[in-house]
N, C-alpha and C. Protein backbone atom coordinates (compact mmCIF):
# COMPACT_ATOMS: atom_id res chain seq x y z
N MET A 1 -93.92 -22.43 21.90
CA MET A 1 -93.69 -23.29 20.75
C MET A 1 -94.79 -23.04 19.71
N VAL A 2 -94.38 -23.03 18.43
CA VAL A 2 -95.31 -22.75 17.35
C VAL A 2 -96.06 -24.04 17.02
N SER A 3 -97.36 -23.93 16.85
CA SER A 3 -98.18 -25.12 16.58
C SER A 3 -97.96 -25.63 15.16
N VAL A 4 -98.31 -26.86 14.93
CA VAL A 4 -98.22 -27.47 13.60
C VAL A 4 -99.11 -26.72 12.63
N LYS A 5 -100.31 -26.35 13.08
CA LYS A 5 -101.23 -25.61 12.20
C LYS A 5 -100.63 -24.28 11.79
N THR A 6 -100.01 -23.55 12.72
CA THR A 6 -99.41 -22.26 12.40
C THR A 6 -98.30 -22.44 11.38
N ASN A 7 -97.42 -23.43 11.59
CA ASN A 7 -96.35 -23.69 10.63
C ASN A 7 -96.91 -24.07 9.27
N ALA A 8 -97.93 -24.91 9.25
CA ALA A 8 -98.52 -25.33 7.99
C ALA A 8 -99.14 -24.16 7.26
N ARG A 9 -99.81 -23.29 7.99
CA ARG A 9 -100.42 -22.11 7.35
C ARG A 9 -99.35 -21.19 6.78
N ALA A 10 -98.27 -20.97 7.54
CA ALA A 10 -97.20 -20.11 7.05
C ALA A 10 -96.57 -20.71 5.80
N TRP A 11 -96.35 -22.02 5.81
CA TRP A 11 -95.76 -22.68 4.67
C TRP A 11 -96.67 -22.59 3.45
N ALA A 12 -97.94 -22.84 3.66
CA ALA A 12 -98.90 -22.80 2.55
C ALA A 12 -98.99 -21.40 1.95
N ALA A 13 -98.99 -20.40 2.81
CA ALA A 13 -99.04 -19.02 2.30
C ALA A 13 -97.82 -18.72 1.45
N ALA A 14 -96.66 -19.16 1.91
CA ALA A 14 -95.43 -18.94 1.14
C ALA A 14 -95.47 -19.71 -0.18
N ALA A 15 -95.97 -20.92 -0.14
CA ALA A 15 -96.05 -21.75 -1.35
C ALA A 15 -96.96 -21.12 -2.38
N LEU A 16 -98.05 -20.55 -1.94
CA LEU A 16 -99.01 -19.95 -2.87
C LEU A 16 -98.48 -18.68 -3.51
N LEU A 17 -97.47 -18.06 -2.91
CA LEU A 17 -96.92 -16.85 -3.51
C LEU A 17 -96.35 -17.13 -4.90
N GLY A 18 -95.82 -18.33 -5.10
CA GLY A 18 -95.32 -18.67 -6.42
C GLY A 18 -96.40 -18.61 -7.48
N THR A 19 -97.54 -19.13 -7.18
CA THR A 19 -98.67 -19.06 -8.10
C THR A 19 -99.11 -17.62 -8.25
N ALA A 20 -99.12 -16.89 -7.16
CA ALA A 20 -99.53 -15.50 -7.20
C ALA A 20 -98.57 -14.64 -8.00
N LEU A 21 -97.35 -15.08 -8.12
CA LEU A 21 -96.34 -14.32 -8.84
C LEU A 21 -96.84 -13.90 -10.21
N LEU A 22 -97.40 -14.82 -10.93
CA LEU A 22 -97.95 -14.47 -12.24
C LEU A 22 -99.44 -14.24 -12.21
N ALA A 23 -100.11 -14.84 -11.27
CA ALA A 23 -101.57 -14.72 -11.24
C ALA A 23 -102.05 -13.42 -10.67
N GLY A 24 -101.35 -12.81 -9.75
CA GLY A 24 -101.84 -11.57 -9.17
C GLY A 24 -100.89 -10.94 -8.20
N PRO A 25 -100.13 -9.94 -8.65
CA PRO A 25 -99.16 -9.33 -7.77
C PRO A 25 -99.81 -8.57 -6.62
N GLY A 26 -101.06 -8.28 -6.68
CA GLY A 26 -101.73 -7.53 -5.63
C GLY A 26 -101.81 -8.28 -4.32
N LEU A 27 -101.52 -9.57 -4.31
CA LEU A 27 -101.57 -10.33 -3.07
C LEU A 27 -100.62 -9.78 -2.03
N ALA A 28 -99.45 -9.36 -2.46
CA ALA A 28 -98.45 -8.90 -1.51
C ALA A 28 -97.96 -7.51 -1.84
N GLN A 29 -98.67 -6.81 -2.64
CA GLN A 29 -98.21 -5.54 -3.16
C GLN A 29 -98.66 -4.38 -2.29
N THR A 30 -97.76 -3.42 -2.15
CA THR A 30 -98.12 -2.23 -1.40
C THR A 30 -98.13 -0.98 -2.27
N SER A 31 -97.54 -1.04 -3.46
CA SER A 31 -97.53 0.12 -4.34
C SER A 31 -98.75 0.08 -5.26
N PRO A 32 -99.22 1.25 -5.73
CA PRO A 32 -100.42 1.28 -6.57
C PRO A 32 -100.18 0.62 -7.92
N GLN A 33 -101.24 0.07 -8.48
CA GLN A 33 -101.22 -0.55 -9.80
C GLN A 33 -102.14 0.25 -10.71
N PRO A 34 -102.17 -0.12 -11.99
CA PRO A 34 -103.09 0.55 -12.91
C PRO A 34 -104.50 0.53 -12.33
N GLN A 35 -105.25 1.56 -12.59
CA GLN A 35 -106.54 1.74 -11.95
C GLN A 35 -107.70 1.13 -12.71
N SER A 36 -107.50 -0.03 -13.30
CA SER A 36 -108.63 -0.72 -13.92
C SER A 36 -109.49 -1.30 -12.81
N PRO A 37 -110.77 -1.53 -13.06
CA PRO A 37 -111.63 -2.12 -12.03
C PRO A 37 -111.09 -3.45 -11.52
N ALA A 38 -110.53 -4.28 -12.42
CA ALA A 38 -109.99 -5.56 -11.97
C ALA A 38 -108.78 -5.37 -11.07
N ALA A 39 -107.95 -4.37 -11.37
CA ALA A 39 -106.77 -4.14 -10.55
C ALA A 39 -107.14 -3.60 -9.18
N GLN A 40 -108.30 -2.96 -9.07
CA GLN A 40 -108.72 -2.41 -7.80
C GLN A 40 -109.38 -3.45 -6.90
N ALA A 41 -109.80 -4.58 -7.48
CA ALA A 41 -110.48 -5.61 -6.69
C ALA A 41 -109.52 -6.20 -5.68
N PRO A 42 -109.99 -6.44 -4.47
CA PRO A 42 -109.09 -7.02 -3.47
C PRO A 42 -108.68 -8.43 -3.86
N ALA A 43 -107.42 -8.77 -3.59
CA ALA A 43 -106.94 -10.11 -3.92
C ALA A 43 -107.44 -11.12 -2.91
N ARG A 44 -107.62 -10.71 -1.67
CA ARG A 44 -108.06 -11.62 -0.62
C ARG A 44 -109.11 -10.93 0.22
N THR A 45 -109.92 -11.72 0.82
CA THR A 45 -110.84 -11.17 1.78
C THR A 45 -110.11 -11.00 3.10
N LYS A 46 -110.49 -10.03 3.88
CA LYS A 46 -109.88 -9.81 5.19
C LYS A 46 -110.47 -10.79 6.19
N VAL A 47 -109.60 -11.35 7.01
CA VAL A 47 -110.06 -12.23 8.07
C VAL A 47 -109.36 -11.83 9.35
N ALA A 48 -110.00 -12.05 10.46
CA ALA A 48 -109.43 -11.69 11.75
C ALA A 48 -108.31 -12.65 12.10
N PRO A 49 -107.13 -12.11 12.52
CA PRO A 49 -106.04 -12.98 12.91
C PRO A 49 -106.48 -13.91 14.04
N GLY A 50 -106.05 -15.15 13.95
CA GLY A 50 -106.37 -16.12 15.00
C GLY A 50 -107.81 -16.57 14.98
N SER A 51 -108.56 -16.20 13.95
CA SER A 51 -109.98 -16.55 13.92
C SER A 51 -110.21 -17.97 13.42
N GLY A 52 -109.14 -18.62 12.94
CA GLY A 52 -109.31 -19.95 12.37
C GLY A 52 -109.78 -19.88 10.93
N ALA A 53 -110.01 -18.69 10.43
CA ALA A 53 -110.48 -18.53 9.06
C ALA A 53 -109.39 -17.93 8.17
N GLN A 54 -108.16 -17.96 8.61
CA GLN A 54 -107.08 -17.35 7.84
C GLN A 54 -106.90 -17.97 6.48
N ALA A 55 -107.21 -19.23 6.33
CA ALA A 55 -107.06 -19.88 5.03
C ALA A 55 -108.27 -19.62 4.14
N ALA A 56 -109.31 -19.02 4.68
CA ALA A 56 -110.53 -18.75 3.91
C ALA A 56 -110.34 -17.47 3.12
N ARG A 57 -109.64 -17.57 2.00
CA ARG A 57 -109.31 -16.38 1.21
C ARG A 57 -109.55 -16.67 -0.25
N THR A 58 -109.67 -15.62 -1.00
CA THR A 58 -109.71 -15.74 -2.44
C THR A 58 -108.33 -15.34 -2.93
N TYR A 59 -107.60 -16.26 -3.51
CA TYR A 59 -106.23 -15.99 -3.92
C TYR A 59 -106.14 -15.28 -5.25
N SER A 60 -106.94 -15.66 -6.21
CA SER A 60 -106.84 -14.98 -7.50
C SER A 60 -108.16 -15.09 -8.25
N THR A 61 -108.85 -13.99 -8.32
CA THR A 61 -110.10 -13.96 -9.06
C THR A 61 -109.79 -13.94 -10.56
N PRO A 62 -110.72 -14.39 -11.39
CA PRO A 62 -110.49 -14.32 -12.84
C PRO A 62 -110.19 -12.90 -13.30
N GLU A 63 -110.84 -11.92 -12.70
CA GLU A 63 -110.60 -10.53 -13.09
C GLU A 63 -109.17 -10.11 -12.76
N ARG A 64 -108.67 -10.54 -11.61
CA ARG A 64 -107.31 -10.19 -11.21
C ARG A 64 -106.30 -10.88 -12.13
N VAL A 65 -106.57 -12.12 -12.49
CA VAL A 65 -105.67 -12.84 -13.40
C VAL A 65 -105.63 -12.13 -14.75
N GLU A 66 -106.80 -11.76 -15.27
CA GLU A 66 -106.83 -11.05 -16.55
C GLU A 66 -106.11 -9.71 -16.47
N ALA A 67 -106.28 -9.00 -15.37
CA ALA A 67 -105.58 -7.73 -15.19
C ALA A 67 -104.07 -7.95 -15.17
N ARG A 68 -103.63 -9.02 -14.50
CA ARG A 68 -102.20 -9.33 -14.43
C ARG A 68 -101.67 -9.70 -15.81
N ILE A 69 -102.44 -10.46 -16.56
CA ILE A 69 -102.03 -10.84 -17.91
C ILE A 69 -101.85 -9.60 -18.77
N GLN A 70 -102.81 -8.70 -18.73
CA GLN A 70 -102.71 -7.46 -19.51
C GLN A 70 -101.54 -6.60 -19.05
N ASP A 71 -101.36 -6.50 -17.74
CA ASP A 71 -100.26 -5.71 -17.18
C ASP A 71 -98.91 -6.26 -17.62
N LEU A 72 -98.73 -7.57 -17.52
CA LEU A 72 -97.47 -8.18 -17.93
C LEU A 72 -97.24 -8.04 -19.43
N HIS A 73 -98.28 -8.21 -20.22
CA HIS A 73 -98.15 -8.06 -21.67
C HIS A 73 -97.58 -6.69 -21.99
N SER A 74 -98.10 -5.69 -21.34
CA SER A 74 -97.63 -4.33 -21.56
C SER A 74 -96.21 -4.12 -21.01
N LYS A 75 -95.98 -4.51 -19.77
CA LYS A 75 -94.67 -4.30 -19.14
C LYS A 75 -93.55 -5.05 -19.84
N LEU A 76 -93.85 -6.22 -20.36
CA LEU A 76 -92.83 -7.02 -21.03
C LEU A 76 -92.69 -6.67 -22.51
N ALA A 77 -93.54 -5.79 -22.99
CA ALA A 77 -93.50 -5.34 -24.39
C ALA A 77 -93.50 -6.53 -25.35
N ILE A 78 -94.50 -7.37 -25.20
CA ILE A 78 -94.61 -8.57 -26.03
C ILE A 78 -94.80 -8.16 -27.49
N THR A 79 -93.98 -8.74 -28.36
CA THR A 79 -94.03 -8.42 -29.78
C THR A 79 -95.02 -9.33 -30.50
N GLN A 80 -95.34 -8.97 -31.73
CA GLN A 80 -96.24 -9.78 -32.55
C GLN A 80 -95.67 -11.19 -32.72
N ALA A 81 -94.37 -11.30 -32.91
CA ALA A 81 -93.73 -12.61 -33.10
C ALA A 81 -93.81 -13.47 -31.83
N GLN A 82 -93.93 -12.83 -30.67
CA GLN A 82 -93.98 -13.56 -29.40
C GLN A 82 -95.40 -13.90 -28.97
N GLU A 83 -96.38 -13.45 -29.71
CA GLU A 83 -97.78 -13.68 -29.32
C GLU A 83 -98.15 -15.16 -29.13
N PRO A 84 -97.70 -16.07 -29.99
CA PRO A 84 -98.07 -17.48 -29.75
C PRO A 84 -97.57 -17.99 -28.39
N GLN A 85 -96.32 -17.66 -28.04
CA GLN A 85 -95.80 -18.07 -26.73
C GLN A 85 -96.54 -17.35 -25.61
N TRP A 86 -96.88 -16.10 -25.83
CA TRP A 86 -97.60 -15.33 -24.82
C TRP A 86 -98.99 -15.92 -24.57
N ARG A 87 -99.70 -16.25 -25.65
CA ARG A 87 -101.04 -16.81 -25.50
C ARG A 87 -101.00 -18.11 -24.69
N GLN A 88 -99.99 -18.94 -24.92
CA GLN A 88 -99.86 -20.19 -24.17
C GLN A 88 -99.59 -19.88 -22.69
N LEU A 89 -98.73 -18.93 -22.41
CA LEU A 89 -98.45 -18.55 -21.02
C LEU A 89 -99.71 -17.99 -20.35
N ALA A 90 -100.42 -17.13 -21.05
CA ALA A 90 -101.64 -16.54 -20.49
C ALA A 90 -102.67 -17.62 -20.16
N GLN A 91 -102.83 -18.59 -21.05
CA GLN A 91 -103.77 -19.68 -20.79
C GLN A 91 -103.33 -20.51 -19.58
N THR A 92 -102.03 -20.75 -19.47
CA THR A 92 -101.51 -21.48 -18.31
C THR A 92 -101.78 -20.70 -17.03
N MET A 93 -101.60 -19.39 -17.07
CA MET A 93 -101.87 -18.56 -15.89
C MET A 93 -103.33 -18.70 -15.47
N ARG A 94 -104.22 -18.65 -16.44
CA ARG A 94 -105.66 -18.78 -16.14
C ARG A 94 -105.96 -20.15 -15.52
N GLU A 95 -105.46 -21.19 -16.15
CA GLU A 95 -105.71 -22.55 -15.66
C GLU A 95 -105.11 -22.77 -14.26
N ASN A 96 -103.90 -22.26 -14.07
CA ASN A 96 -103.24 -22.40 -12.76
C ASN A 96 -104.02 -21.68 -11.66
N ALA A 97 -104.46 -20.48 -11.95
CA ALA A 97 -105.22 -19.72 -10.95
C ALA A 97 -106.50 -20.47 -10.59
N GLN A 98 -107.16 -21.03 -11.60
CA GLN A 98 -108.39 -21.78 -11.35
C GLN A 98 -108.10 -23.01 -10.49
N ALA A 99 -107.02 -23.72 -10.77
CA ALA A 99 -106.68 -24.93 -10.01
C ALA A 99 -106.40 -24.60 -8.55
N VAL A 100 -105.63 -23.54 -8.31
CA VAL A 100 -105.31 -23.16 -6.93
C VAL A 100 -106.56 -22.65 -6.22
N GLU A 101 -107.34 -21.85 -6.90
CA GLU A 101 -108.55 -21.31 -6.29
C GLU A 101 -109.53 -22.43 -5.94
N SER A 102 -109.64 -23.41 -6.82
CA SER A 102 -110.54 -24.52 -6.57
C SER A 102 -110.11 -25.30 -5.33
N LYS A 103 -108.83 -25.59 -5.21
CA LYS A 103 -108.32 -26.33 -4.05
C LYS A 103 -108.47 -25.49 -2.79
N ALA A 104 -108.22 -24.18 -2.87
CA ALA A 104 -108.37 -23.30 -1.70
C ALA A 104 -109.84 -23.22 -1.28
N ALA A 105 -110.76 -23.18 -2.25
CA ALA A 105 -112.19 -23.14 -1.92
C ALA A 105 -112.64 -24.44 -1.27
N GLU A 106 -112.11 -25.54 -1.75
CA GLU A 106 -112.42 -26.84 -1.15
C GLU A 106 -111.96 -26.85 0.31
N ARG A 107 -110.79 -26.33 0.55
CA ARG A 107 -110.25 -26.26 1.90
C ARG A 107 -111.10 -25.34 2.77
N GLU A 108 -111.46 -24.20 2.24
CA GLU A 108 -112.27 -23.24 2.99
C GLU A 108 -113.60 -23.85 3.42
N LYS A 109 -114.20 -24.60 2.52
CA LYS A 109 -115.49 -25.21 2.81
C LYS A 109 -115.41 -26.16 4.00
N ALA A 110 -114.29 -26.86 4.13
CA ALA A 110 -114.14 -27.87 5.19
C ALA A 110 -113.43 -27.34 6.43
N LEU A 111 -113.00 -26.10 6.40
CA LEU A 111 -112.15 -25.55 7.46
C LEU A 111 -112.72 -25.71 8.87
N GLN A 112 -113.98 -25.45 9.05
CA GLN A 112 -114.56 -25.45 10.39
C GLN A 112 -114.65 -26.83 11.02
N THR A 113 -114.62 -27.87 10.20
CA THR A 113 -114.76 -29.22 10.75
C THR A 113 -113.47 -30.03 10.66
N MET A 114 -112.37 -29.41 10.29
CA MET A 114 -111.12 -30.13 10.12
C MET A 114 -110.47 -30.51 11.44
N THR A 115 -109.94 -31.72 11.46
CA THR A 115 -109.03 -32.10 12.54
C THR A 115 -107.64 -31.64 12.13
N VAL A 116 -106.68 -31.74 13.01
CA VAL A 116 -105.32 -31.36 12.65
C VAL A 116 -104.81 -32.20 11.48
N MET A 117 -105.17 -33.47 11.44
CA MET A 117 -104.74 -34.32 10.33
C MET A 117 -105.42 -33.90 9.02
N ASP A 118 -106.69 -33.54 9.10
CA ASP A 118 -107.38 -33.03 7.91
C ASP A 118 -106.70 -31.75 7.42
N ASP A 119 -106.35 -30.90 8.37
CA ASP A 119 -105.69 -29.64 8.04
C ASP A 119 -104.37 -29.90 7.33
N LEU A 120 -103.57 -30.79 7.88
CA LEU A 120 -102.28 -31.11 7.26
C LEU A 120 -102.47 -31.73 5.88
N ARG A 121 -103.42 -32.61 5.74
CA ARG A 121 -103.69 -33.22 4.43
C ARG A 121 -104.19 -32.18 3.43
N SER A 122 -104.96 -31.25 3.92
CA SER A 122 -105.46 -30.18 3.06
C SER A 122 -104.30 -29.33 2.53
N TYR A 123 -103.35 -29.01 3.40
CA TYR A 123 -102.18 -28.26 2.96
C TYR A 123 -101.31 -29.09 2.03
N GLU A 124 -101.23 -30.37 2.29
CA GLU A 124 -100.49 -31.26 1.40
C GLU A 124 -101.10 -31.22 0.01
N ALA A 125 -102.42 -31.31 -0.08
CA ALA A 125 -103.11 -31.27 -1.37
C ALA A 125 -102.90 -29.92 -2.06
N LEU A 126 -102.96 -28.85 -1.28
CA LEU A 126 -102.74 -27.51 -1.84
C LEU A 126 -101.30 -27.38 -2.35
N ALA A 127 -100.35 -27.92 -1.61
CA ALA A 127 -98.95 -27.88 -2.04
C ALA A 127 -98.74 -28.68 -3.32
N LYS A 128 -99.42 -29.80 -3.45
CA LYS A 128 -99.31 -30.60 -4.67
C LYS A 128 -99.85 -29.83 -5.87
N VAL A 129 -100.99 -29.18 -5.68
CA VAL A 129 -101.55 -28.37 -6.76
C VAL A 129 -100.58 -27.24 -7.11
N HIS A 130 -100.02 -26.63 -6.09
CA HIS A 130 -99.05 -25.55 -6.33
C HIS A 130 -97.85 -26.07 -7.13
N ALA A 131 -97.31 -27.21 -6.74
CA ALA A 131 -96.16 -27.77 -7.45
C ALA A 131 -96.53 -28.07 -8.91
N GLU A 132 -97.69 -28.64 -9.12
CA GLU A 132 -98.14 -28.94 -10.48
C GLU A 132 -98.29 -27.67 -11.31
N THR A 133 -98.87 -26.64 -10.71
CA THR A 133 -99.06 -25.39 -11.47
C THR A 133 -97.73 -24.71 -11.76
N MET A 134 -96.78 -24.81 -10.83
CA MET A 134 -95.47 -24.20 -11.08
C MET A 134 -94.74 -24.93 -12.20
N THR A 135 -94.87 -26.26 -12.25
CA THR A 135 -94.26 -27.02 -13.34
C THR A 135 -94.84 -26.57 -14.68
N LYS A 136 -96.14 -26.40 -14.72
CA LYS A 136 -96.80 -25.93 -15.96
C LYS A 136 -96.38 -24.50 -16.30
N LEU A 137 -96.26 -23.67 -15.28
CA LEU A 137 -95.87 -22.28 -15.50
C LEU A 137 -94.47 -22.18 -16.09
N VAL A 138 -93.54 -22.91 -15.51
CA VAL A 138 -92.16 -22.91 -16.02
C VAL A 138 -92.15 -23.38 -17.48
N ALA A 139 -92.86 -24.46 -17.76
CA ALA A 139 -92.89 -25.01 -19.11
C ALA A 139 -93.46 -24.03 -20.13
N SER A 140 -94.44 -23.23 -19.73
CA SER A 140 -95.03 -22.29 -20.69
C SER A 140 -94.32 -20.94 -20.69
N PHE A 141 -93.62 -20.59 -19.61
CA PHE A 141 -92.91 -19.31 -19.59
C PHE A 141 -91.55 -19.41 -20.29
N GLU A 142 -90.91 -20.55 -20.20
CA GLU A 142 -89.57 -20.69 -20.77
C GLU A 142 -89.48 -20.38 -22.26
N PRO A 143 -90.38 -20.89 -23.11
CA PRO A 143 -90.28 -20.54 -24.53
C PRO A 143 -90.42 -19.04 -24.79
N LEU A 144 -91.28 -18.39 -24.02
CA LEU A 144 -91.42 -16.94 -24.17
C LEU A 144 -90.15 -16.23 -23.73
N TYR A 145 -89.64 -16.60 -22.58
CA TYR A 145 -88.43 -15.96 -22.06
C TYR A 145 -87.26 -16.15 -23.03
N THR A 146 -87.16 -17.34 -23.60
CA THR A 146 -86.09 -17.62 -24.57
C THR A 146 -86.23 -16.73 -25.80
N ALA A 147 -87.45 -16.44 -26.20
CA ALA A 147 -87.70 -15.62 -27.39
C ALA A 147 -87.57 -14.12 -27.13
N MET A 148 -87.43 -13.74 -25.86
CA MET A 148 -87.36 -12.31 -25.53
C MET A 148 -86.00 -11.71 -25.89
N SER A 149 -86.04 -10.43 -26.19
CA SER A 149 -84.81 -9.67 -26.41
C SER A 149 -84.11 -9.48 -25.06
N PRO A 150 -82.83 -9.12 -25.08
CA PRO A 150 -82.14 -8.85 -23.81
C PRO A 150 -82.86 -7.77 -22.97
N GLU A 151 -83.41 -6.76 -23.61
CA GLU A 151 -84.13 -5.71 -22.88
C GLU A 151 -85.41 -6.27 -22.24
N GLN A 152 -86.14 -7.09 -22.97
CA GLN A 152 -87.34 -7.70 -22.41
C GLN A 152 -87.00 -8.61 -21.24
N LYS A 153 -85.92 -9.36 -21.35
CA LYS A 153 -85.49 -10.23 -20.24
C LYS A 153 -85.17 -9.40 -19.01
N LYS A 154 -84.52 -8.27 -19.20
CA LYS A 154 -84.23 -7.38 -18.07
C LYS A 154 -85.52 -6.90 -17.42
N ARG A 155 -86.50 -6.54 -18.25
CA ARG A 155 -87.81 -6.12 -17.73
C ARG A 155 -88.48 -7.24 -16.94
N ALA A 156 -88.46 -8.45 -17.50
CA ALA A 156 -89.08 -9.59 -16.83
C ALA A 156 -88.37 -9.86 -15.51
N ASP A 157 -87.05 -9.88 -15.53
CA ASP A 157 -86.28 -10.13 -14.31
C ASP A 157 -86.59 -9.08 -13.25
N ALA A 158 -86.64 -7.82 -13.66
CA ALA A 158 -86.92 -6.73 -12.72
C ALA A 158 -88.35 -6.81 -12.19
N GLU A 159 -89.29 -7.14 -13.04
CA GLU A 159 -90.69 -7.25 -12.63
C GLU A 159 -90.85 -8.30 -11.55
N PHE A 160 -90.28 -9.46 -11.76
CA PHE A 160 -90.46 -10.54 -10.80
C PHE A 160 -89.58 -10.37 -9.57
N GLN A 161 -88.43 -9.76 -9.73
CA GLN A 161 -87.60 -9.47 -8.56
C GLN A 161 -88.32 -8.46 -7.67
N GLY A 162 -88.94 -7.46 -8.25
CA GLY A 162 -89.70 -6.48 -7.47
C GLY A 162 -90.87 -7.13 -6.75
N TYR A 163 -91.52 -8.08 -7.41
CA TYR A 163 -92.64 -8.78 -6.77
C TYR A 163 -92.14 -9.61 -5.59
N ARG A 164 -91.03 -10.32 -5.78
CA ARG A 164 -90.49 -11.14 -4.69
C ARG A 164 -90.14 -10.26 -3.49
N LYS A 165 -89.59 -9.09 -3.74
CA LYS A 165 -89.25 -8.18 -2.63
C LYS A 165 -90.51 -7.72 -1.92
N ARG A 166 -91.55 -7.36 -2.68
CA ARG A 166 -92.81 -6.91 -2.05
C ARG A 166 -93.43 -8.04 -1.25
N ALA A 167 -93.40 -9.26 -1.80
CA ALA A 167 -93.96 -10.41 -1.10
C ALA A 167 -93.18 -10.70 0.18
N SER A 168 -91.87 -10.60 0.10
CA SER A 168 -91.03 -10.83 1.27
C SER A 168 -91.30 -9.80 2.36
N ASN A 169 -91.46 -8.55 1.98
CA ASN A 169 -91.76 -7.49 2.95
C ASN A 169 -93.10 -7.71 3.62
N THR A 170 -94.07 -8.18 2.88
CA THR A 170 -95.41 -8.43 3.43
C THR A 170 -95.36 -9.59 4.43
N GLN A 171 -94.59 -10.62 4.12
CA GLN A 171 -94.52 -11.79 5.01
C GLN A 171 -93.84 -11.46 6.33
N THR A 172 -92.92 -10.51 6.34
CA THR A 172 -92.19 -10.19 7.57
C THR A 172 -92.94 -9.21 8.45
N GLN A 173 -94.03 -8.68 7.97
CA GLN A 173 -94.79 -7.70 8.77
C GLN A 173 -95.71 -8.37 9.74
């Protein structure tokens, strides 16, 4: 039988993928990205399976978020007219990454002394932050997506569909 902690960790990892979607595709990516120093930085620290430190990770560094913002700007071919919507989305991405990272760091700090109830409450808090950041992300991405040309929308759809596939493949391994 799978323990409550194992289920909670699996759920939390899946929940954080939504934030990672825009904050840093390198979390679940296996194909190479642009070779900027920020893109080469690891998205997470390696931890030994079953070590109890699996949640002790860095989900999105500021450098990775900035690299993702630049990468998306280029891939989506953001026009001059779309810059105001883009700037709002980019700021939301930065703020969301900071919020998730802050909650994950808080959890990491307390990990060694957590009871199972503390662990569950910690995941609950992380899930709440994730839900809040996703609400903000949708609100700031929608005006940009609406302003995109049909070709840009196809690029955006393909970019995120490819990320979901890479994330799904990583989770099943």
